[in-house]
Amino acid sequence: MQALSIVSHGERQTFELGKKLAASFVAGDLVVLEGPLGAGKTVFVRGLVAGRGLSDTTVNSPSFTMVNEYPGEKPLYHFDLYRISDPRELFEIGFDDYLARDGVVVIEWGTKADYLLPERYYLVEIRIVSETEREINISLVQR
C-alpha cells in the first residue's frame, strides 16, 4: 500500500475507509493508530473489522481490557495503550505472541510503545479538522 491521505467528512466515511482498506492488510500486519481522543480511531477499527468479514457490532475501545479479540477466518486483535503506564506491561498479556498469530494486530496509541514495535508497520494518523472532518494519513513505516 502506498501512502494515502484523505479527508473524512463524518464517522460513516471513516468507517467505510477502514472497511475498504481491510483487504490491504494481511495476517502478520501491524496497524498503529494515532490521534487525539475523539478523532475516530475506534470507528476506523470498526470498519477494519467489518471489512474482514467479522461482526463489528461489539467493537469498542479496549481501554480497560487492553486487548479485544475478533476471531474468525481473518482475525483481528485490537489493542489500546491509552491507559498503559509502562509499555513493558504488553509482554504480560503476550503482545509478542499476538504479533506472531495469524491475524492483523491494530494498536490505538501505539507510539507509546514505540521501542517495542517491529521494524515494519502501518501508521494511521487521524487529525481532527473540524467537528465532523478528519484528515487521515496512512503510511508504511520501515525502520
N, C-alpha and C. Protein backbone atom coordinates (compact mmCIF):
# COMPACT_ATOMS: atom_id res chain seq x y z
N MET A 1 0.85 -1.18 0.00
CA MET A 1 0.00 0.00 0.00
C MET A 1 0.90 1.24 0.00
N GLN A 2 0.60 2.16 -0.89
CA GLN A 2 1.33 3.42 -0.92
C GLN A 2 0.72 4.36 0.10
N ALA A 3 1.47 5.41 0.43
CA ALA A 3 0.97 6.40 1.38
C ALA A 3 -0.34 6.98 0.85
N LEU A 4 -1.23 7.25 1.78
CA LEU A 4 -2.56 7.72 1.43
C LEU A 4 -2.94 8.85 2.37
N SER A 5 -3.55 9.89 1.82
CA SER A 5 -4.06 10.99 2.63
C SER A 5 -5.47 11.29 2.15
N ILE A 6 -6.41 11.32 3.09
CA ILE A 6 -7.81 11.52 2.73
C ILE A 6 -8.49 12.34 3.82
N VAL A 7 -9.51 13.10 3.44
CA VAL A 7 -10.32 13.82 4.41
C VAL A 7 -11.66 13.11 4.52
N SER A 8 -12.00 12.71 5.73
CA SER A 8 -13.28 12.08 6.01
C SER A 8 -14.24 13.17 6.48
N HIS A 9 -15.46 13.10 5.98
CA HIS A 9 -16.46 14.12 6.33
C HIS A 9 -17.48 13.61 7.33
N GLY A 10 -17.12 12.57 8.08
CA GLY A 10 -18.01 12.06 9.11
C GLY A 10 -17.64 10.64 9.49
N GLU A 11 -18.26 10.17 10.57
CA GLU A 11 -17.97 8.82 11.07
C GLU A 11 -18.22 7.75 10.01
N ARG A 12 -19.28 7.91 9.24
CA ARG A 12 -19.61 6.90 8.23
C ARG A 12 -18.48 6.76 7.22
N GLN A 13 -17.90 7.88 6.79
CA GLN A 13 -16.80 7.82 5.82
C GLN A 13 -15.55 7.21 6.45
N THR A 14 -15.31 7.51 7.72
CA THR A 14 -14.16 6.91 8.41
C THR A 14 -14.35 5.40 8.51
N PHE A 15 -15.56 4.96 8.86
CA PHE A 15 -15.89 3.54 8.92
C PHE A 15 -15.68 2.89 7.55
N GLU A 16 -16.20 3.51 6.50
CA GLU A 16 -16.11 2.96 5.14
C GLU A 16 -14.66 2.90 4.66
N LEU A 17 -13.85 3.87 5.05
CA LEU A 17 -12.43 3.84 4.69
C LEU A 17 -11.76 2.63 5.33
N GLY A 18 -12.01 2.42 6.62
CA GLY A 18 -11.45 1.24 7.29
C GLY A 18 -11.92 -0.04 6.63
N LYS A 19 -13.20 -0.09 6.29
CA LYS A 19 -13.77 -1.28 5.65
C LYS A 19 -13.10 -1.56 4.31
N LYS A 20 -12.92 -0.51 3.53
CA LYS A 20 -12.31 -0.65 2.20
C LYS A 20 -10.84 -1.07 2.30
N LEU A 21 -10.14 -0.52 3.27
CA LEU A 21 -8.71 -0.82 3.41
C LEU A 21 -8.43 -2.17 4.07
N ALA A 22 -9.43 -2.77 4.69
CA ALA A 22 -9.24 -4.02 5.42
C ALA A 22 -8.57 -5.09 4.55
N ALA A 23 -8.93 -5.15 3.30
CA ALA A 23 -8.36 -6.16 2.40
C ALA A 23 -6.88 -5.91 2.11
N SER A 24 -6.41 -4.71 2.37
CA SER A 24 -5.00 -4.38 2.13
C SER A 24 -4.07 -4.93 3.20
N PHE A 25 -4.63 -5.25 4.35
CA PHE A 25 -3.83 -5.75 5.47
C PHE A 25 -3.95 -7.26 5.54
N VAL A 26 -2.81 -7.92 5.69
CA VAL A 26 -2.79 -9.39 5.72
C VAL A 26 -2.30 -9.87 7.08
N ALA A 27 -2.50 -11.15 7.33
CA ALA A 27 -2.05 -11.76 8.58
C ALA A 27 -0.59 -11.40 8.83
N GLY A 28 -0.32 -10.98 10.05
CA GLY A 28 1.03 -10.58 10.41
C GLY A 28 1.27 -9.08 10.35
N ASP A 29 0.35 -8.35 9.72
CA ASP A 29 0.50 -6.89 9.64
C ASP A 29 0.14 -6.25 10.97
N LEU A 30 0.83 -5.16 11.25
CA LEU A 30 0.56 -4.34 12.43
C LEU A 30 0.12 -2.97 11.94
N VAL A 31 -1.00 -2.47 12.48
CA VAL A 31 -1.53 -1.16 12.13
C VAL A 31 -1.56 -0.34 13.42
N VAL A 32 -0.83 0.77 13.43
CA VAL A 32 -0.75 1.65 14.59
C VAL A 32 -1.60 2.88 14.32
N LEU A 33 -2.54 3.16 15.22
CA LEU A 33 -3.44 4.30 15.08
C LEU A 33 -3.04 5.40 16.06
N GLU A 34 -2.90 6.60 15.53
CA GLU A 34 -2.58 7.75 16.37
C GLU A 34 -3.57 8.87 16.10
N GLY A 35 -3.89 9.61 17.14
CA GLY A 35 -4.80 10.75 17.02
C GLY A 35 -5.36 11.05 18.39
N PRO A 36 -5.87 12.26 18.58
CA PRO A 36 -6.40 12.64 19.89
C PRO A 36 -7.69 11.89 20.21
N LEU A 37 -8.09 11.97 21.47
CA LEU A 37 -9.37 11.39 21.87
C LEU A 37 -10.49 11.94 20.99
N GLY A 38 -11.38 11.08 20.55
CA GLY A 38 -12.50 11.50 19.73
C GLY A 38 -12.19 11.69 18.27
N ALA A 39 -10.99 11.31 17.84
CA ALA A 39 -10.61 11.51 16.44
C ALA A 39 -11.27 10.49 15.50
N GLY A 40 -11.60 9.31 16.03
CA GLY A 40 -12.23 8.31 15.19
C GLY A 40 -11.43 7.03 15.03
N LYS A 41 -10.47 6.82 15.92
CA LYS A 41 -9.64 5.62 15.83
C LYS A 41 -10.48 4.34 15.94
N THR A 42 -11.37 4.30 16.91
CA THR A 42 -12.20 3.10 17.10
C THR A 42 -13.20 2.94 15.96
N VAL A 43 -13.69 4.02 15.42
CA VAL A 43 -14.59 3.95 14.26
C VAL A 43 -13.84 3.32 13.08
N PHE A 44 -12.60 3.72 12.88
CA PHE A 44 -11.77 3.15 11.82
C PHE A 44 -11.59 1.64 12.05
N VAL A 45 -11.36 1.24 13.30
CA VAL A 45 -11.22 -0.18 13.63
C VAL A 45 -12.51 -0.93 13.33
N ARG A 46 -13.66 -0.33 13.66
CA ARG A 46 -14.95 -0.97 13.33
C ARG A 46 -15.02 -1.29 11.83
N GLY A 47 -14.56 -0.35 11.02
CA GLY A 47 -14.54 -0.57 9.57
C GLY A 47 -13.60 -1.69 9.19
N LEU A 48 -12.42 -1.73 9.80
CA LEU A 48 -11.48 -2.83 9.53
C LEU A 48 -12.10 -4.18 9.87
N VAL A 49 -12.75 -4.25 11.03
CA VAL A 49 -13.37 -5.49 11.48
C VAL A 49 -14.46 -5.92 10.49
N ALA A 50 -15.31 -4.98 10.10
CA ALA A 50 -16.38 -5.29 9.14
C ALA A 50 -15.80 -5.72 7.80
N GLY A 51 -14.76 -5.05 7.36
CA GLY A 51 -14.13 -5.36 6.08
C GLY A 51 -13.44 -6.72 6.06
N ARG A 52 -13.14 -7.26 7.23
CA ARG A 52 -12.53 -8.59 7.32
C ARG A 52 -13.59 -9.66 7.49
N GLY A 53 -14.86 -9.25 7.39
CA GLY A 53 -15.95 -10.21 7.47
C GLY A 53 -16.30 -10.63 8.88
N LEU A 54 -15.89 -9.83 9.86
CA LEU A 54 -16.16 -10.12 11.26
C LEU A 54 -17.29 -9.22 11.74
N SER A 55 -17.93 -9.58 12.84
CA SER A 55 -19.02 -8.76 13.37
C SER A 55 -18.46 -7.49 14.00
N ASP A 56 -18.94 -6.34 13.52
CA ASP A 56 -18.47 -5.06 14.04
C ASP A 56 -19.41 -4.50 15.10
N THR A 57 -20.42 -5.25 15.49
CA THR A 57 -21.41 -4.74 16.43
C THR A 57 -20.87 -4.61 17.85
N THR A 58 -19.82 -5.34 18.17
CA THR A 58 -19.28 -5.29 19.53
C THR A 58 -17.94 -4.57 19.61
N VAL A 59 -17.53 -3.90 18.55
CA VAL A 59 -16.23 -3.22 18.56
C VAL A 59 -16.32 -1.99 19.44
N ASN A 60 -15.46 -1.97 20.46
CA ASN A 60 -15.31 -0.78 21.28
C ASN A 60 -13.85 -0.69 21.68
N SER A 61 -13.48 0.44 22.18
CA SER A 61 -12.09 0.65 22.54
C SER A 61 -11.73 -0.20 23.76
N PRO A 62 -10.66 -0.99 23.66
CA PRO A 62 -10.28 -1.85 24.78
C PRO A 62 -9.44 -1.11 25.83
N SER A 63 -9.85 0.11 26.17
CA SER A 63 -9.08 0.93 27.11
C SER A 63 -8.84 0.26 28.46
N PHE A 64 -9.83 -0.49 28.94
CA PHE A 64 -9.69 -1.11 30.26
C PHE A 64 -9.23 -2.55 30.19
N THR A 65 -9.47 -3.22 29.07
CA THR A 65 -9.05 -4.62 28.94
C THR A 65 -7.71 -4.74 28.22
N MET A 66 -7.27 -3.70 27.58
CA MET A 66 -6.04 -3.57 26.82
C MET A 66 -6.09 -4.26 25.45
N VAL A 67 -6.83 -5.37 25.32
CA VAL A 67 -6.94 -6.01 24.00
C VAL A 67 -8.31 -6.66 23.84
N ASN A 68 -8.88 -6.49 22.65
CA ASN A 68 -10.11 -7.18 22.25
C ASN A 68 -9.76 -8.07 21.07
N GLU A 69 -10.27 -9.28 21.10
CA GLU A 69 -10.03 -10.22 20.00
C GLU A 69 -11.30 -10.37 19.19
N TYR A 70 -11.16 -10.30 17.88
CA TYR A 70 -12.27 -10.52 16.95
C TYR A 70 -11.90 -11.74 16.11
N PRO A 71 -12.32 -12.93 16.58
CA PRO A 71 -11.92 -14.17 15.91
C PRO A 71 -12.72 -14.40 14.62
N GLY A 72 -12.21 -15.28 13.80
CA GLY A 72 -12.86 -15.63 12.56
C GLY A 72 -11.82 -16.12 11.57
N GLU A 73 -12.24 -16.25 10.33
CA GLU A 73 -11.32 -16.71 9.30
C GLU A 73 -10.14 -15.74 9.13
N LYS A 74 -10.41 -14.44 9.31
CA LYS A 74 -9.37 -13.40 9.22
C LYS A 74 -9.39 -12.60 10.51
N PRO A 75 -8.83 -13.14 11.60
CA PRO A 75 -8.94 -12.48 12.91
C PRO A 75 -8.24 -11.12 12.98
N LEU A 76 -8.70 -10.33 13.94
CA LEU A 76 -8.11 -9.03 14.20
C LEU A 76 -7.97 -8.89 15.71
N TYR A 77 -6.83 -8.37 16.15
CA TYR A 77 -6.54 -8.18 17.57
C TYR A 77 -6.36 -6.67 17.80
N HIS A 78 -7.20 -6.11 18.65
CA HIS A 78 -7.31 -4.66 18.83
C HIS A 78 -6.80 -4.25 20.21
N PHE A 79 -5.67 -3.58 20.23
CA PHE A 79 -5.05 -3.09 21.48
C PHE A 79 -5.33 -1.61 21.65
N ASP A 80 -5.36 -1.16 22.90
CA ASP A 80 -5.47 0.26 23.21
C ASP A 80 -4.49 0.54 24.34
N LEU A 81 -3.51 1.37 24.06
CA LEU A 81 -2.46 1.66 25.05
C LEU A 81 -2.68 2.98 25.77
N TYR A 82 -3.87 3.56 25.64
CA TYR A 82 -4.12 4.88 26.24
C TYR A 82 -3.84 4.89 27.74
N ARG A 83 -4.25 3.87 28.45
CA ARG A 83 -4.13 3.84 29.91
C ARG A 83 -2.86 3.13 30.40
N ILE A 84 -2.03 2.69 29.49
CA ILE A 84 -0.84 1.95 29.89
C ILE A 84 0.20 2.91 30.48
N SER A 85 0.79 2.52 31.59
CA SER A 85 1.80 3.39 32.21
C SER A 85 3.21 2.94 31.83
N ASP A 86 3.39 1.65 31.61
CA ASP A 86 4.70 1.12 31.24
C ASP A 86 4.50 0.15 30.08
N PRO A 87 5.03 0.47 28.91
CA PRO A 87 4.84 -0.39 27.74
C PRO A 87 5.27 -1.85 27.95
N ARG A 88 6.13 -2.09 28.92
CA ARG A 88 6.55 -3.47 29.17
C ARG A 88 5.39 -4.34 29.67
N GLU A 89 4.29 -3.68 30.12
CA GLU A 89 3.09 -4.42 30.52
C GLU A 89 2.54 -5.25 29.36
N LEU A 90 2.85 -4.84 28.15
CA LEU A 90 2.37 -5.58 26.97
C LEU A 90 2.86 -7.02 26.97
N PHE A 91 4.05 -7.24 27.48
CA PHE A 91 4.59 -8.59 27.49
C PHE A 91 3.82 -9.48 28.46
N GLU A 92 3.24 -8.88 29.49
CA GLU A 92 2.45 -9.65 30.46
C GLU A 92 1.20 -10.25 29.82
N ILE A 93 0.69 -9.61 28.78
CA ILE A 93 -0.50 -10.14 28.10
C ILE A 93 -0.15 -10.84 26.79
N GLY A 94 1.14 -11.03 26.54
CA GLY A 94 1.56 -11.79 25.37
C GLY A 94 1.56 -11.02 24.07
N PHE A 95 1.90 -9.75 24.11
CA PHE A 95 1.91 -8.92 22.90
C PHE A 95 2.72 -9.55 21.78
N ASP A 96 3.90 -10.04 22.12
CA ASP A 96 4.76 -10.64 21.09
C ASP A 96 4.10 -11.87 20.48
N ASP A 97 3.30 -12.61 21.26
CA ASP A 97 2.57 -13.75 20.73
C ASP A 97 1.49 -13.31 19.75
N TYR A 98 0.83 -12.20 20.06
CA TYR A 98 -0.20 -11.68 19.14
C TYR A 98 0.42 -11.32 17.80
N LEU A 99 1.61 -10.75 17.83
CA LEU A 99 2.27 -10.37 16.57
C LEU A 99 2.59 -11.59 15.71
N ALA A 100 2.74 -12.74 16.33
CA ALA A 100 3.07 -13.97 15.60
C ALA A 100 1.82 -14.75 15.18
N ARG A 101 0.65 -14.33 15.63
CA ARG A 101 -0.59 -15.04 15.30
C ARG A 101 -1.00 -14.77 13.86
N ASP A 102 -1.94 -15.59 13.41
CA ASP A 102 -2.46 -15.47 12.06
C ASP A 102 -3.61 -14.46 12.02
N GLY A 103 -3.28 -13.20 12.09
CA GLY A 103 -4.28 -12.15 12.07
C GLY A 103 -3.61 -10.79 11.97
N VAL A 104 -4.42 -9.77 11.93
CA VAL A 104 -3.92 -8.39 11.89
C VAL A 104 -3.99 -7.83 13.31
N VAL A 105 -2.94 -7.15 13.73
CA VAL A 105 -2.90 -6.51 15.04
C VAL A 105 -3.05 -5.00 14.82
N VAL A 106 -4.01 -4.40 15.54
CA VAL A 106 -4.25 -2.96 15.47
C VAL A 106 -4.02 -2.39 16.87
N ILE A 107 -3.26 -1.30 16.94
CA ILE A 107 -2.96 -0.70 18.24
C ILE A 107 -3.31 0.79 18.23
N GLU A 108 -4.24 1.17 19.10
CA GLU A 108 -4.50 2.59 19.32
C GLU A 108 -3.45 3.12 20.29
N TRP A 109 -2.95 4.31 20.04
CA TRP A 109 -1.92 4.95 20.87
C TRP A 109 -0.64 4.12 20.86
N GLY A 110 -0.36 3.46 19.75
CA GLY A 110 0.76 2.54 19.65
C GLY A 110 2.13 3.16 19.81
N THR A 111 2.27 4.44 19.48
CA THR A 111 3.61 5.04 19.60
C THR A 111 4.04 5.20 21.06
N LYS A 112 3.10 4.96 22.01
CA LYS A 112 3.50 4.95 23.43
C LYS A 112 4.48 3.81 23.70
N ALA A 113 4.46 2.81 22.82
CA ALA A 113 5.35 1.65 22.96
C ALA A 113 6.27 1.56 21.74
N ASP A 114 6.68 2.70 21.26
CA ASP A 114 7.44 2.78 20.01
C ASP A 114 8.61 1.81 19.96
N TYR A 115 9.36 1.71 21.02
CA TYR A 115 10.55 0.86 21.00
C TYR A 115 10.21 -0.63 20.98
N LEU A 116 8.94 -0.98 21.21
CA LEU A 116 8.51 -2.38 21.15
C LEU A 116 7.92 -2.75 19.79
N LEU A 117 7.69 -1.75 18.95
CA LEU A 117 7.08 -2.02 17.66
C LEU A 117 8.10 -2.66 16.71
N PRO A 118 7.62 -3.52 15.82
CA PRO A 118 8.54 -4.16 14.87
C PRO A 118 9.10 -3.14 13.87
N GLU A 119 10.02 -3.59 13.07
CA GLU A 119 10.68 -2.70 12.10
C GLU A 119 9.73 -2.21 11.01
N ARG A 120 8.65 -2.95 10.76
CA ARG A 120 7.73 -2.61 9.69
C ARG A 120 6.29 -2.62 10.23
N TYR A 121 5.59 -1.50 10.02
CA TYR A 121 4.17 -1.43 10.40
C TYR A 121 3.51 -0.28 9.64
N TYR A 122 2.19 -0.32 9.63
CA TYR A 122 1.42 0.76 9.01
C TYR A 122 1.03 1.77 10.08
N LEU A 123 1.18 3.04 9.77
CA LEU A 123 0.83 4.11 10.68
C LEU A 123 -0.39 4.86 10.11
N VAL A 124 -1.46 4.92 10.91
CA VAL A 124 -2.66 5.65 10.53
C VAL A 124 -2.77 6.82 11.51
N GLU A 125 -2.59 8.02 10.98
CA GLU A 125 -2.67 9.22 11.80
C GLU A 125 -3.98 9.95 11.47
N ILE A 126 -4.78 10.19 12.51
CA ILE A 126 -6.06 10.85 12.32
C ILE A 126 -6.02 12.19 13.04
N ARG A 127 -6.24 13.24 12.27
CA ARG A 127 -6.20 14.60 12.81
C ARG A 127 -7.58 15.21 12.71
N ILE A 128 -8.05 15.81 13.80
CA ILE A 128 -9.34 16.49 13.81
C ILE A 128 -9.21 17.82 13.08
N VAL A 129 -10.01 17.97 12.01
CA VAL A 129 -10.03 19.21 11.23
C VAL A 129 -11.16 20.10 11.72
N SER A 130 -12.33 19.49 11.93
CA SER A 130 -13.50 20.21 12.44
C SER A 130 -14.34 19.20 13.21
N GLU A 131 -15.51 19.61 13.63
CA GLU A 131 -16.39 18.72 14.41
C GLU A 131 -16.68 17.42 13.66
N THR A 132 -16.78 17.49 12.35
CA THR A 132 -17.11 16.29 11.57
C THR A 132 -15.98 15.83 10.65
N GLU A 133 -15.04 16.69 10.33
CA GLU A 133 -13.99 16.34 9.38
C GLU A 133 -12.72 15.83 10.06
N ARG A 134 -12.12 14.81 9.43
CA ARG A 134 -10.87 14.24 9.91
C ARG A 134 -9.91 14.09 8.74
N GLU A 135 -8.67 14.46 8.95
CA GLU A 135 -7.63 14.19 7.96
C GLU A 135 -6.97 12.87 8.38
N ILE A 136 -6.96 11.91 7.47
CA ILE A 136 -6.42 10.58 7.77
C ILE A 136 -5.24 10.32 6.85
N ASN A 137 -4.08 10.11 7.45
CA ASN A 137 -2.86 9.82 6.69
C ASN A 137 -2.39 8.42 7.04
N ILE A 138 -2.15 7.63 6.01
CA ILE A 138 -1.73 6.25 6.20
C ILE A 138 -0.39 6.05 5.47
N SER A 139 0.57 5.50 6.20
CA SER A 139 1.88 5.27 5.60
C SER A 139 2.49 3.99 6.13
N LEU A 140 3.43 3.48 5.39
CA LEU A 140 4.18 2.30 5.80
C LEU A 140 5.47 2.78 6.46
N VAL A 141 5.68 2.35 7.69
CA VAL A 141 6.90 2.72 8.42
C VAL A 141 7.86 1.52 8.34
N GLN A 142 9.07 1.80 7.90
CA GLN A 142 10.12 0.79 7.85
C GLN A 142 11.36 1.42 8.46
N ARG A 143 11.81 0.88 9.57
CA ARG A 143 12.96 1.49 10.25
C ARG A 143 14.18 0.61 10.13
